[in-house]
Amino acid sequence: MRRTSLTLTALAAAASLALAGCSGASSSAKASKAAASETPVPAATAPVDCSTLTIDSDSESLPTVGGDAGKQPTVTWKKGSQAPKNLTVKTLTKGNGAEIDAAGVVKANYTGWQWDGSDPFDTSFKSGAPATFPLGNVIQGWKCGLAGHHVGDRVVMSIPPELAYGNKAAQDAQAAQAGGAQQGQQKPAGTLVFVVEIVDGVSGKISGGSASATMEGEEAVSQRGITVSGELGQPAKLSIGADAAQPTKSEVIVLARGSGPAIKENSTAVMNIAGNYWDGSQPSNTWEQHAAESINMAQAQQSVPGLIGVPEGSRIVVLMPPVQATGQQQGAPASAYVMDVEKVF
C-alpha cells in the first residue's frame, strides 16, 4: 500500500479537497467536479494485493477488437460467450516504452463496455485527449491489470465485478465516478471490458530527474531557515531551523531549475517529496518509500499557484502556511517540503 505524503494532505486541505493522508494507509483523492470531468477515469475501489490475483493473458471468450490505435475502438462479442472469472489482460500491440508498476502513473486512451454491451459506458475519446492518472486511484482491475505493461502497449482487459464496481449498479454521490460519469449517474455493474492504449507513463519508483538541473535558489532557501541535503538527482532531505519563521502564505522556491516541459494548469506532475510539519512531528519521504507522488494541478494550483511554470527536472522547496479546519476538513500545521519534479504530463 502507498503512503500519501504530507504535501498532498496540506495541498488538499488548503484547496478544500477531500484528500486524506496517513502513515501506512492507502488513500486516494476525491477530485472536485470540475477537475474530474476533465479527467474521466474509473474511480478507485477497495484495494487488493495484486500479487494474490490470478491474471490470465488471454481467453477464448474475449471480444474481437476493431479499430486502429489512437481512434475509438469497437468490440464484437462472441455469441454465447461467458465472461472470464479471472482478471484477463490480452496484449494487442506490444510497446517498448517504460514499464508501469502498480504505484505508477499512466496516460492512456481507453473505452469501456459492460460485458456483452452494445455501447460503451465511457471513453476518453469523447474528450479528445488521453487521461492521466495514478494507478492507485482507479479500480483494482486497472491497477493490477496494467501493472507490468509498457508505454506503447494496447490491451483489452476483462475485469470481474469484484475488481470493478460489483454486480449491482449504484448511484454515485461524487462526480466523475465510473469513468467520468456525472453526479447521479450509475456505476456500471458486472464484468467490464476495456480497451486501453498506454500513451505515456512512469513507474512509481522513478527518481533522478533533477540530475542535470542548474542550482539557483540556495540563498532564498537559506533565508527561510531551511536546509536541503542530497546531491541533485539523488534522494533529498529537508530540515527546518529552530528559529525559522513559519510561512504566512504558500511559496515555491526553485532551488535548481530543470530544462523539461513546464507544469501547466492542467498538468499532472510526478514528484519525489521529502518534508515535515513545522514542529517536526511527521516526516515524510517518498524516496525512502520508493513511490513517487502524482499531483493534479487542477487541484493543487488553488493552494500553490507557484507550481505552475516550474520545469520538469527541477528541485523545488515548497512552504505551506497553517491551514485552519473548516467543517469536516482537517486543518494542517505549517509545513515545508523539497520536491524533485520527475515527470510532467
Protein backbone atom coordinates (compact mmCIF):
# COMPACT_ATOMS: atom_id res chain seq x y z
CA MET A 1 0.00 0.00 0.00
CA ARG A 2 1.13 3.53 -0.72
CA ARG A 3 1.56 6.24 1.83
CA THR A 4 0.12 9.60 0.83
CA SER A 5 2.64 12.36 1.50
CA LEU A 6 2.04 15.17 3.93
CA THR A 7 2.45 17.51 0.99
CA LEU A 8 -0.70 16.23 -0.67
CA THR A 9 -2.59 16.48 2.60
CA ALA A 10 -1.55 20.09 3.03
CA LEU A 11 -2.33 20.97 -0.57
CA ALA A 12 -5.70 19.32 -0.36
CA ALA A 13 -6.62 20.98 2.92
CA ALA A 14 -5.67 24.37 1.56
CA ALA A 15 -7.77 23.77 -1.54
CA SER A 16 -10.68 22.32 0.50
CA LEU A 17 -10.33 18.95 -1.19
CA ALA A 18 -11.12 15.62 0.42
CA LEU A 19 -7.64 14.10 0.29
CA ALA A 20 -6.74 12.02 3.34
CA GLY A 21 -3.14 11.24 4.17
CA CYS A 22 -1.82 8.97 6.90
CA SER A 23 1.24 6.84 7.55
CA GLY A 24 0.97 3.23 6.46
CA ALA A 25 -2.52 3.53 4.97
CA SER A 26 -3.62 3.77 1.38
CA SER A 27 -5.67 6.76 0.31
CA SER A 28 -6.98 8.36 -2.83
CA ALA A 29 -8.01 11.81 -3.99
CA LYS A 30 -11.66 12.62 -4.48
CA ALA A 31 -11.33 15.22 -7.17
CA SER A 32 -13.50 18.27 -7.47
CA LYS A 33 -16.29 18.00 -10.02
CA ALA A 34 -14.54 20.37 -12.41
CA ALA A 35 -11.22 18.57 -12.25
CA ALA A 36 -12.80 15.13 -12.52
CA SER A 37 -14.83 15.98 -15.59
CA GLU A 38 -11.57 16.85 -17.35
CA THR A 39 -10.01 13.51 -16.43
CA PRO A 40 -12.59 10.72 -16.85
CA VAL A 41 -11.08 7.58 -15.32
CA PRO A 42 -12.52 4.58 -13.48
CA ALA A 43 -12.52 5.67 -9.85
CA ALA A 44 -10.74 3.91 -7.01
CA THR A 45 -12.23 0.87 -5.32
CA ALA A 46 -11.23 -1.17 -2.26
CA PRO A 47 -7.51 -2.03 -2.54
CA VAL A 48 -6.28 -5.57 -3.19
CA ASP A 49 -2.85 -7.15 -3.24
CA CYS A 50 -2.19 -7.69 -6.95
CA SER A 51 0.29 -10.48 -6.20
CA THR A 52 -2.55 -12.63 -4.85
CA LEU A 53 -4.59 -12.47 -8.06
CA THR A 54 -4.66 -14.90 -10.96
CA ILE A 55 -4.28 -12.76 -14.07
CA ASP A 56 -4.78 -14.53 -17.40
CA SER A 57 -3.20 -13.29 -20.62
CA ASP A 58 -6.00 -14.44 -22.94
CA SER A 59 -9.41 -16.08 -23.10
CA GLU A 60 -11.44 -17.52 -25.97
CA SER A 61 -14.46 -15.55 -24.77
CA LEU A 62 -12.84 -12.12 -25.11
CA PRO A 63 -14.49 -9.94 -27.76
CA THR A 64 -12.74 -9.13 -31.01
CA VAL A 65 -11.36 -5.60 -31.00
CA GLY A 66 -11.62 -3.44 -34.11
CA GLY A 67 -10.30 -0.01 -35.00
CA ASP A 68 -6.83 1.47 -35.24
CA ALA A 69 -4.78 2.65 -32.28
CA GLY A 70 -5.44 6.27 -31.45
CA LYS A 71 -9.06 6.04 -32.60
CA GLN A 72 -12.31 4.94 -30.97
CA PRO A 73 -12.17 1.11 -30.80
CA THR A 74 -15.07 -1.28 -31.34
CA VAL A 75 -15.76 -4.72 -29.89
CA THR A 76 -17.56 -7.68 -31.43
CA TRP A 77 -18.90 -10.12 -28.86
CA LYS A 78 -18.75 -13.86 -29.45
CA LYS A 79 -22.21 -15.39 -29.35
CA GLY A 80 -22.97 -17.15 -26.09
CA SER A 81 -19.58 -16.43 -24.57
CA GLN A 82 -19.32 -16.24 -20.80
CA ALA A 83 -17.22 -13.62 -19.06
CA PRO A 84 -13.87 -14.91 -17.73
CA LYS A 85 -13.82 -15.47 -13.98
CA ASN A 86 -10.29 -14.14 -13.61
CA LEU A 87 -8.89 -10.76 -14.48
CA THR A 88 -7.81 -11.22 -18.10
CA VAL A 89 -5.44 -8.84 -19.91
CA LYS A 90 -4.57 -9.59 -23.54
CA THR A 91 -1.84 -7.56 -25.25
CA LEU A 92 -3.00 -6.46 -28.70
CA THR A 93 0.05 -4.34 -29.51
CA LYS A 94 3.30 -4.51 -27.60
CA GLY A 95 5.13 -1.27 -26.82
CA ASN A 96 8.76 -0.76 -25.92
CA GLY A 97 8.46 2.20 -23.55
CA ALA A 98 8.81 2.43 -19.78
CA GLU A 99 7.35 -0.32 -17.62
CA ILE A 100 4.49 0.73 -15.36
CA ASP A 101 4.04 -0.64 -11.85
CA ALA A 102 1.02 -0.58 -9.54
CA ALA A 103 2.29 2.64 -7.94
CA GLY A 104 2.89 4.30 -11.29
CA VAL A 105 1.15 6.98 -13.32
CA VAL A 106 -0.39 6.31 -16.72
CA LYS A 107 -1.50 8.50 -19.60
CA ALA A 108 -3.92 6.46 -21.66
CA ASN A 109 -6.75 6.39 -24.16
CA TYR A 110 -9.48 3.94 -23.21
CA THR A 111 -13.03 2.79 -23.89
CA GLY A 112 -15.14 0.66 -21.55
CA TRP A 113 -18.16 -1.61 -22.03
CA GLN A 114 -20.23 -3.77 -19.74
CA TRP A 115 -19.86 -7.40 -20.75
CA ASP A 116 -21.90 -8.08 -23.91
CA GLY A 117 -22.97 -4.43 -24.04
CA SER A 118 -23.68 -2.72 -27.35
CA ASP A 119 -22.48 0.77 -26.48
CA PRO A 120 -19.53 1.92 -24.36
CA PHE A 121 -20.40 3.40 -20.98
CA ASP A 122 -17.37 5.67 -21.17
CA THR A 123 -14.46 6.62 -23.41
CA SER A 124 -11.60 9.08 -23.25
CA PHE A 125 -12.03 9.76 -26.97
CA LYS A 126 -15.04 11.99 -26.32
CA SER A 127 -12.77 14.46 -24.53
CA GLY A 128 -10.30 14.48 -27.41
CA ALA A 129 -7.30 13.75 -25.22
CA PRO A 130 -5.84 10.84 -23.23
CA ALA A 131 -6.49 10.73 -19.48
CA THR A 132 -3.63 10.86 -16.96
CA PHE A 133 -3.98 9.22 -13.56
CA PRO A 134 -2.10 7.29 -10.86
CA LEU A 135 -2.96 3.60 -10.84
CA GLY A 136 -3.57 3.89 -7.11
CA ASN A 137 -6.66 6.00 -7.89
CA VAL A 138 -8.51 3.66 -10.25
CA ILE A 139 -10.45 0.41 -9.98
CA GLN A 140 -8.32 -2.51 -8.90
CA GLY A 141 -8.73 -4.30 -12.21
CA TRP A 142 -6.95 -1.40 -13.88
CA LYS A 143 -4.24 -1.18 -11.26
CA CYS A 144 -3.42 -4.89 -11.28
CA GLY A 145 -4.15 -5.38 -14.97
CA LEU A 146 -1.90 -2.59 -16.25
CA ALA A 147 0.97 -3.12 -13.79
CA GLY A 148 3.87 -4.70 -15.65
CA HIS A 149 2.80 -3.34 -19.02
CA HIS A 150 4.76 -0.78 -21.00
CA VAL A 151 4.23 2.57 -22.65
CA GLY A 152 3.03 1.79 -26.17
CA ASP A 153 1.04 -1.29 -25.16
CA ARG A 154 -2.55 -1.65 -26.37
CA VAL A 155 -4.55 -4.16 -24.35
CA VAL A 156 -8.05 -5.49 -23.93
CA MET A 157 -9.00 -6.20 -20.31
CA SER A 158 -11.88 -8.22 -18.89
CA ILE A 159 -12.38 -7.18 -15.27
CA PRO A 160 -14.59 -9.29 -12.96
CA PRO A 161 -17.11 -7.45 -10.77
CA GLU A 162 -15.11 -7.82 -7.55
CA LEU A 163 -12.26 -5.85 -9.14
CA ALA A 164 -14.62 -3.25 -10.61
CA TYR A 165 -17.91 -1.99 -9.09
CA GLY A 166 -19.64 -5.23 -8.13
CA ASN A 167 -22.72 -6.85 -9.60
CA LYS A 168 -25.21 -4.16 -8.66
CA ALA A 169 -25.26 -0.71 -10.22
CA ALA A 170 -25.04 2.02 -7.60
CA GLN A 171 -25.74 5.72 -7.59
CA ASP A 172 -22.55 7.72 -7.19
CA ALA A 173 -22.55 10.53 -4.65
CA GLN A 174 -19.40 12.05 -6.10
CA ALA A 175 -18.82 13.37 -9.58
CA ALA A 176 -16.75 11.51 -12.13
CA GLN A 177 -17.13 8.00 -10.76
CA ALA A 178 -17.32 5.04 -13.15
CA GLY A 179 -15.15 6.65 -15.75
CA GLY A 180 -16.27 10.24 -15.65
CA ALA A 181 -19.99 9.76 -15.07
CA GLN A 182 -21.63 12.89 -13.74
CA GLN A 183 -23.27 13.13 -10.34
CA GLY A 184 -26.40 11.00 -10.11
CA GLN A 185 -25.39 8.54 -12.81
CA GLN A 186 -24.80 4.88 -12.10
CA LYS A 187 -21.60 2.92 -11.88
CA PRO A 188 -21.56 0.08 -14.40
CA ALA A 189 -22.31 -3.32 -12.88
CA GLY A 190 -20.91 -6.76 -13.61
CA THR A 191 -17.89 -7.69 -15.69
CA LEU A 192 -16.34 -4.77 -17.54
CA VAL A 193 -14.22 -4.79 -20.68
CA PHE A 194 -11.76 -2.02 -21.53
CA VAL A 195 -9.54 -1.39 -24.50
CA VAL A 196 -6.61 0.66 -23.19
CA GLU A 197 -3.73 2.30 -25.06
CA ILE A 198 -0.86 3.37 -22.80
CA VAL A 199 0.33 6.60 -24.40
CA ASP A 200 2.82 7.55 -21.69
CA GLY A 201 3.60 6.72 -18.10
CA VAL A 202 6.17 6.24 -15.38
CA SER A 203 6.90 3.78 -12.63
CA GLY A 204 6.21 4.87 -9.08
CA LYS A 205 9.90 4.16 -8.44
CA ILE A 206 11.03 6.95 -10.76
CA SER A 207 13.94 9.06 -9.46
CA GLY A 208 16.93 11.07 -10.61
CA GLY A 209 15.09 13.69 -12.63
CA SER A 210 16.99 16.65 -11.14
CA ALA A 211 20.45 15.30 -12.04
CA SER A 212 21.06 17.90 -14.75
CA ALA A 213 19.31 20.84 -13.08
CA THR A 214 21.12 24.15 -12.51
CA MET A 215 21.33 25.50 -8.95
CA GLU A 216 19.85 28.95 -8.43
CA GLY A 217 17.88 29.25 -5.19
CA GLU A 218 20.31 28.39 -2.39
CA GLU A 219 20.25 31.87 -0.84
CA ALA A 220 16.46 32.17 -0.88
CA VAL A 221 16.09 28.77 0.80
CA SER A 222 18.73 29.62 3.42
CA GLN A 223 16.99 32.90 4.23
CA ARG A 224 13.82 30.95 5.11
CA GLY A 225 15.76 28.87 7.65
CA ILE A 226 15.54 25.71 5.54
CA THR A 227 18.38 23.26 4.86
CA VAL A 228 18.24 20.80 1.97
CA SER A 229 20.73 17.94 1.76
CA GLY A 230 21.35 15.42 -1.02
CA GLU A 231 23.02 15.80 -4.39
CA LEU A 232 20.87 16.68 -7.40
CA GLY A 233 19.45 13.51 -8.91
CA GLN A 234 19.79 11.71 -5.57
CA PRO A 235 17.32 11.40 -2.67
CA ALA A 236 16.90 14.67 -0.79
CA LYS A 237 16.13 15.56 2.82
CA LEU A 238 14.90 18.79 4.35
CA SER A 239 15.30 20.23 7.83
CA ILE A 240 13.63 23.28 9.36
CA GLY A 241 15.76 25.55 11.56
CA ALA A 242 14.68 26.04 15.16
CA ASP A 243 14.36 29.81 14.62
CA ALA A 244 12.78 29.63 11.16
CA ALA A 245 9.69 31.80 10.84
CA GLN A 246 6.53 29.94 9.86
CA PRO A 247 5.26 30.85 6.39
CA THR A 248 2.14 33.02 6.23
CA LYS A 249 1.41 32.14 2.60
CA SER A 250 2.36 29.37 0.21
CA GLU A 251 5.68 29.82 -1.53
CA VAL A 252 7.59 27.89 -4.19
CA ILE A 253 11.36 28.40 -4.41
CA VAL A 254 13.19 26.87 -7.36
CA LEU A 255 16.34 25.51 -5.74
CA ALA A 256 17.61 24.01 -9.02
CA ARG A 257 15.99 24.58 -12.41
CA GLY A 258 15.45 21.76 -14.87
CA SER A 259 15.04 22.02 -18.62
CA GLY A 260 11.99 19.85 -19.29
CA PRO A 261 8.42 20.84 -20.12
CA ALA A 262 6.83 23.29 -17.68
CA ILE A 263 3.98 22.41 -15.33
CA LYS A 264 0.69 23.76 -16.70
CA GLU A 265 -2.70 24.33 -15.10
CA ASN A 266 -3.99 21.02 -16.50
CA SER A 267 -0.81 19.02 -15.87
CA THR A 268 -0.21 16.04 -13.64
CA ALA A 269 3.25 16.24 -12.08
CA VAL A 270 5.01 13.18 -10.67
CA MET A 271 7.28 14.18 -7.81
CA ASN A 272 9.55 12.71 -5.18
CA ILE A 273 8.95 14.59 -1.96
CA ALA A 274 10.58 14.90 1.46
CA GLY A 275 9.26 17.19 4.16
CA ASN A 276 7.77 17.71 7.57
CA TYR A 277 5.36 19.73 9.64
CA TRP A 278 6.97 22.84 11.11
CA ASP A 279 7.23 21.22 14.54
CA GLY A 280 9.00 18.18 13.07
CA SER A 281 6.23 15.81 14.14
CA GLN A 282 5.52 14.00 10.86
CA PRO A 283 8.45 13.46 8.49
CA SER A 284 7.61 12.07 5.05
CA ASN A 285 9.95 10.91 2.29
CA THR A 286 8.83 9.25 -0.94
CA TRP A 287 12.42 8.38 -1.91
CA GLU A 288 12.52 6.07 1.12
CA GLN A 289 9.12 4.62 0.20
CA HIS A 290 10.14 4.08 -3.46
CA ALA A 291 6.80 5.53 -4.54
CA ALA A 292 6.74 8.98 -6.08
CA GLU A 293 3.55 11.00 -5.74
CA SER A 294 1.41 12.44 -8.53
CA ILE A 295 -0.12 15.88 -8.06
CA ASN A 296 -3.05 17.05 -10.16
CA MET A 297 -2.62 20.76 -10.88
CA ALA A 298 -6.35 21.24 -11.32
CA GLN A 299 -6.47 20.67 -7.55
CA ALA A 300 -3.10 21.90 -6.29
CA GLN A 301 -2.91 25.24 -8.10
CA GLN A 302 -5.65 26.63 -5.86
CA SER A 303 -3.33 26.45 -2.88
CA VAL A 304 0.11 26.57 -4.50
CA PRO A 305 -0.14 28.56 -7.74
CA GLY A 306 3.66 28.88 -7.77
CA LEU A 307 3.96 25.32 -9.09
CA ILE A 308 2.69 26.47 -12.48
CA GLY A 309 5.60 27.11 -14.82
CA VAL A 310 8.17 25.02 -12.93
CA PRO A 311 10.07 22.85 -15.46
CA GLU A 312 10.38 19.07 -15.33
CA GLY A 313 13.73 18.12 -13.81
CA SER A 314 13.68 20.90 -11.21
CA ARG A 315 14.26 20.63 -7.47
CA ILE A 316 11.99 22.98 -5.54
CA VAL A 317 11.23 23.93 -1.96
CA VAL A 318 7.55 24.44 -1.08
CA LEU A 319 6.47 26.26 2.08
CA MET A 320 2.89 25.89 3.28
CA PRO A 321 1.22 28.07 5.96
CA PRO A 322 -1.04 26.59 8.66
CA VAL A 323 -4.45 25.59 7.33
CA GLN A 324 -7.47 26.07 9.56
CA ALA A 325 -10.01 23.27 9.90
CA THR A 326 -13.31 24.01 8.16
CA GLY A 327 -16.39 21.84 8.62
CA GLN A 328 -15.28 18.25 8.18
CA GLN A 329 -11.95 19.30 6.67
CA GLN A 330 -9.00 18.69 8.95
CA GLY A 331 -6.54 21.55 9.37
CA ALA A 332 -2.79 21.22 8.94
CA PRO A 333 0.19 22.90 10.65
CA ALA A 334 2.71 24.91 8.66
CA SER A 335 4.99 22.63 6.65
CA ALA A 336 7.97 22.58 4.31
CA TYR A 337 8.99 20.19 1.52
CA VAL A 338 11.72 19.58 -1.01
CA MET A 339 10.42 18.13 -4.28
CA ASP A 340 12.06 16.78 -7.40
CA VAL A 341 9.79 17.21 -10.43
CA GLU A 342 10.40 13.83 -12.07
CA LYS A 343 7.80 13.92 -14.85
CA VAL A 344 5.20 16.34 -16.22
CA PHE A 345 2.23 15.03 -18.20
